[in-house]
Amino acid sequence: MARDFTARKRIILGVVVLLVLADAGLAAYSWQLSRSPQQQFAVEMKQHDLLKKNIDDAQNIHDKIPAIQKDCDRFERSLLPASSGYSAVRSELGATARKSGLQIDHLEFKPTEIANRGMTGVLIDVTVNGDYKSVIGFLNGLQRSGNLYAVDALALGSENANKAGGNVIRVALHLRTYFRTAA
């Protein structure tokens, strides 16, 4: 009988624990349901406002697409045509180098067609010799040019020229520009 009483006691204790846990769960659920409608409305309004802002931003972007497309078309039309671009770039680089007091030692073009854009990307390797001030003047001239020149890299090396006291440096520039290939 003592065993029977111990087993009953454990069963009763287990049932009481289950009832307490169920009661705690129902209390939490009831608390969540009892939140005021104003709080729930405020949360939903905040979500609504965020979604409305996202929609307004998307509409704003959509409205600006024609102007952006016109700007892109104007930029592409401003590029030099491939038929005369190489000689124009060669003469502009030469004139900028002379104006800044540099000597062009090497100039090479490496064209790459850009598919479906009617454009050609051109890598330009140019090596110039001169002093530091002249190199800076050359780079400023490229920056102020009406043509697009992106400096991908530049490497600096010293030039052991036969000039007495001359601080001649050699700079290898890797530039990128674009030419229009379509009409």
Protein backbone atom coordinates (compact mmCIF):
# COMPACT_ATOMS: atom_id res chain seq x y z
CA MET A 1 0.00 0.00 0.00
CA ALA A 2 2.86 2.34 0.65
CA ARG A 3 3.94 1.85 -2.93
CA ASP A 4 0.49 2.54 -4.17
CA PHE A 5 0.37 5.80 -2.19
CA THR A 6 3.79 6.93 -3.54
CA ALA A 7 2.72 6.26 -7.14
CA ARG A 8 -0.53 8.19 -6.59
CA LYS A 9 1.40 11.03 -5.02
CA ARG A 10 3.71 11.26 -8.07
CA ILE A 11 0.82 11.15 -10.51
CA ILE A 12 -1.01 13.88 -8.61
CA LEU A 13 2.17 15.99 -8.45
CA GLY A 14 2.71 15.53 -12.23
CA VAL A 15 -0.86 16.55 -12.99
CA VAL A 16 -0.53 19.63 -10.75
CA VAL A 17 2.72 20.64 -12.54
CA LEU A 18 1.04 20.21 -15.94
CA LEU A 19 -1.91 22.32 -14.78
CA VAL A 20 0.42 25.07 -13.52
CA LEU A 21 2.33 25.09 -16.84
CA ALA A 22 -0.91 25.15 -18.82
CA ASP A 23 -2.16 27.99 -16.62
CA ALA A 24 1.08 29.98 -17.23
CA GLY A 25 0.77 29.44 -20.99
CA LEU A 26 -2.85 30.55 -21.01
CA ALA A 27 -1.96 33.61 -18.92
CA ALA A 28 0.71 34.63 -21.44
CA TYR A 29 -1.70 34.12 -24.33
CA SER A 30 -4.40 36.07 -22.52
CA TRP A 31 -1.93 38.91 -21.81
CA GLN A 32 -1.01 39.12 -25.48
CA LEU A 33 -4.66 39.20 -26.50
CA SER A 34 -5.42 41.86 -23.95
CA ARG A 35 -3.03 44.39 -25.48
CA SER A 36 -4.92 47.53 -26.17
CA PRO A 37 -6.23 48.10 -29.68
CA GLN A 38 -4.37 51.44 -29.75
CA GLN A 39 -1.03 49.68 -29.31
CA GLN A 40 -1.83 47.20 -32.04
CA PHE A 41 -3.04 50.03 -34.30
CA ALA A 42 0.17 52.00 -33.67
CA VAL A 43 2.31 49.00 -34.63
CA GLU A 44 0.31 48.45 -37.81
CA MET A 45 0.46 52.15 -38.71
CA LYS A 46 4.22 52.12 -38.32
CA GLN A 47 4.47 49.14 -40.67
CA HIS A 48 2.10 50.88 -43.08
CA ASP A 49 4.20 54.06 -43.05
CA LEU A 50 7.39 52.09 -43.74
CA LEU A 51 5.78 50.28 -46.65
CA LYS A 52 4.37 53.54 -48.02
CA LYS A 53 7.84 55.15 -47.82
CA ASN A 54 9.33 52.21 -49.75
CA ILE A 55 6.63 52.54 -52.41
CA ASP A 56 7.20 56.31 -52.65
CA ASP A 57 10.97 55.78 -53.01
CA ALA A 58 10.42 53.20 -55.74
CA GLN A 59 8.04 55.55 -57.56
CA ASN A 60 10.58 58.38 -57.27
CA ILE A 61 13.27 56.18 -58.81
CA HIS A 62 10.85 55.11 -61.55
CA ASP A 63 10.02 58.75 -62.31
CA LYS A 64 13.73 59.65 -62.64
CA ILE A 65 14.57 56.84 -65.10
CA PRO A 66 13.86 58.89 -68.29
CA ALA A 67 16.14 61.72 -67.12
CA ILE A 68 18.86 59.23 -66.19
CA GLN A 69 18.51 57.55 -69.59
CA LYS A 70 18.85 60.95 -71.32
CA ASP A 71 21.99 61.69 -69.28
CA CYS A 72 23.47 58.32 -70.23
CA ASP A 73 22.65 58.88 -73.91
CA ARG A 74 24.18 62.39 -73.78
CA PHE A 75 27.32 60.94 -72.16
CA GLU A 76 27.61 58.24 -74.82
CA ARG A 77 27.19 60.83 -77.59
CA SER A 78 29.95 62.93 -75.99
CA LEU A 79 32.47 60.12 -76.43
CA LEU A 80 34.91 60.34 -79.29
CA PRO A 81 34.07 58.17 -82.30
CA ALA A 82 36.32 55.14 -82.67
CA SER A 83 37.23 56.19 -86.22
CA SER A 84 39.05 59.32 -85.02
CA GLY A 85 39.37 58.68 -81.30
CA TYR A 86 42.81 57.12 -81.33
CA SER A 87 44.44 60.04 -83.14
CA ALA A 88 42.53 62.56 -81.01
CA VAL A 89 43.68 60.89 -77.78
CA ARG A 90 47.25 60.61 -79.09
CA SER A 91 47.37 64.31 -79.96
CA GLU A 92 45.66 65.36 -76.68
CA LEU A 93 48.08 63.30 -74.58
CA GLY A 94 51.00 64.73 -76.56
CA ALA A 95 49.77 68.31 -76.15
CA THR A 96 49.12 67.83 -72.42
CA ALA A 97 52.58 66.31 -71.97
CA ARG A 98 54.28 69.17 -73.85
CA LYS A 99 52.30 71.78 -71.93
CA SER A 100 53.32 70.25 -68.59
CA GLY A 101 56.95 69.74 -69.65
CA LEU A 102 56.97 65.95 -70.02
CA GLN A 103 58.24 63.68 -72.72
CA ILE A 104 56.11 60.70 -73.78
CA ASP A 105 58.35 57.66 -74.00
CA HIS A 106 55.77 55.00 -74.82
CA LEU A 107 52.10 55.04 -75.90
CA GLU A 108 50.02 51.93 -76.59
CA PHE A 109 46.27 51.33 -77.09
CA LYS A 110 44.44 48.09 -76.24
CA PRO A 111 40.80 48.19 -77.41
CA THR A 112 38.05 45.95 -76.02
CA GLU A 113 34.56 45.84 -77.50
CA ILE A 114 31.71 46.33 -75.03
CA ALA A 115 28.93 44.05 -76.16
CA ASN A 116 25.47 45.52 -76.85
CA ARG A 117 26.50 49.08 -75.97
CA GLY A 118 27.99 50.38 -79.20
CA MET A 119 31.15 51.32 -77.32
CA THR A 120 34.78 50.29 -77.20
CA GLY A 121 36.76 50.38 -73.98
CA VAL A 122 40.37 51.36 -74.61
CA LEU A 123 43.22 50.68 -72.20
CA ILE A 124 46.03 53.18 -72.73
CA ASP A 125 49.53 52.44 -71.51
CA VAL A 126 51.65 55.57 -71.55
CA THR A 127 55.09 56.15 -70.06
CA VAL A 128 56.28 59.69 -69.46
CA ASN A 129 59.57 61.19 -68.30
CA GLY A 130 59.96 64.45 -66.41
CA ASP A 131 60.16 66.00 -62.98
CA TYR A 132 57.56 65.66 -60.24
CA LYS A 133 55.88 69.01 -60.96
CA SER A 134 55.50 68.10 -64.63
CA VAL A 135 53.94 64.74 -63.79
CA ILE A 136 51.41 66.42 -61.49
CA GLY A 137 50.67 68.97 -64.22
CA PHE A 138 50.12 66.14 -66.71
CA LEU A 139 47.71 64.34 -64.38
CA ASN A 140 45.83 67.59 -63.73
CA GLY A 141 45.60 68.16 -67.47
CA LEU A 142 44.07 64.72 -67.94
CA GLN A 143 41.61 65.40 -65.13
CA ARG A 144 40.52 68.70 -66.68
CA SER A 145 40.24 67.26 -70.17
CA GLY A 146 36.91 67.25 -71.97
CA ASN A 147 37.47 63.58 -72.70
CA LEU A 148 37.02 60.84 -70.14
CA TYR A 149 40.27 59.39 -68.77
CA ALA A 150 40.21 57.05 -65.80
CA VAL A 151 43.60 56.36 -64.23
CA ASP A 152 43.59 52.65 -63.39
CA ALA A 153 47.16 52.56 -62.08
CA LEU A 154 50.44 54.36 -62.16
CA ALA A 155 53.92 53.10 -61.41
CA LEU A 156 56.78 55.36 -60.48
CA GLY A 157 60.40 54.65 -61.29
CA SER A 158 63.52 56.78 -61.39
CA GLU A 159 65.17 57.62 -64.68
CA ASN A 160 68.94 57.78 -64.62
CA ALA A 161 69.25 60.41 -67.30
CA ASN A 162 72.44 62.13 -68.28
CA LYS A 163 71.13 65.43 -66.99
CA ALA A 164 73.32 66.93 -64.32
CA GLY A 165 71.28 67.51 -61.20
CA GLY A 166 68.08 66.59 -63.01
CA ASN A 167 65.48 64.78 -60.96
CA VAL A 168 63.85 63.00 -63.85
CA ILE A 169 61.32 60.35 -62.98
CA ARG A 170 59.60 57.81 -65.19
CA VAL A 171 55.90 57.24 -64.64
CA ALA A 172 53.99 54.41 -66.29
CA LEU A 173 50.28 55.20 -66.45
CA HIS A 174 47.48 52.78 -67.19
CA LEU A 175 44.50 54.81 -68.37
CA ARG A 176 41.06 53.82 -69.54
CA THR A 177 38.80 55.68 -71.97
CA TYR A 178 35.84 54.84 -74.18
CA PHE A 179 35.02 55.41 -77.82
CA ARG A 180 31.65 55.39 -79.54
CA THR A 181 31.45 52.70 -82.23
CA ALA A 182 27.74 52.99 -83.10
CA ALA A 183 26.25 55.87 -85.06
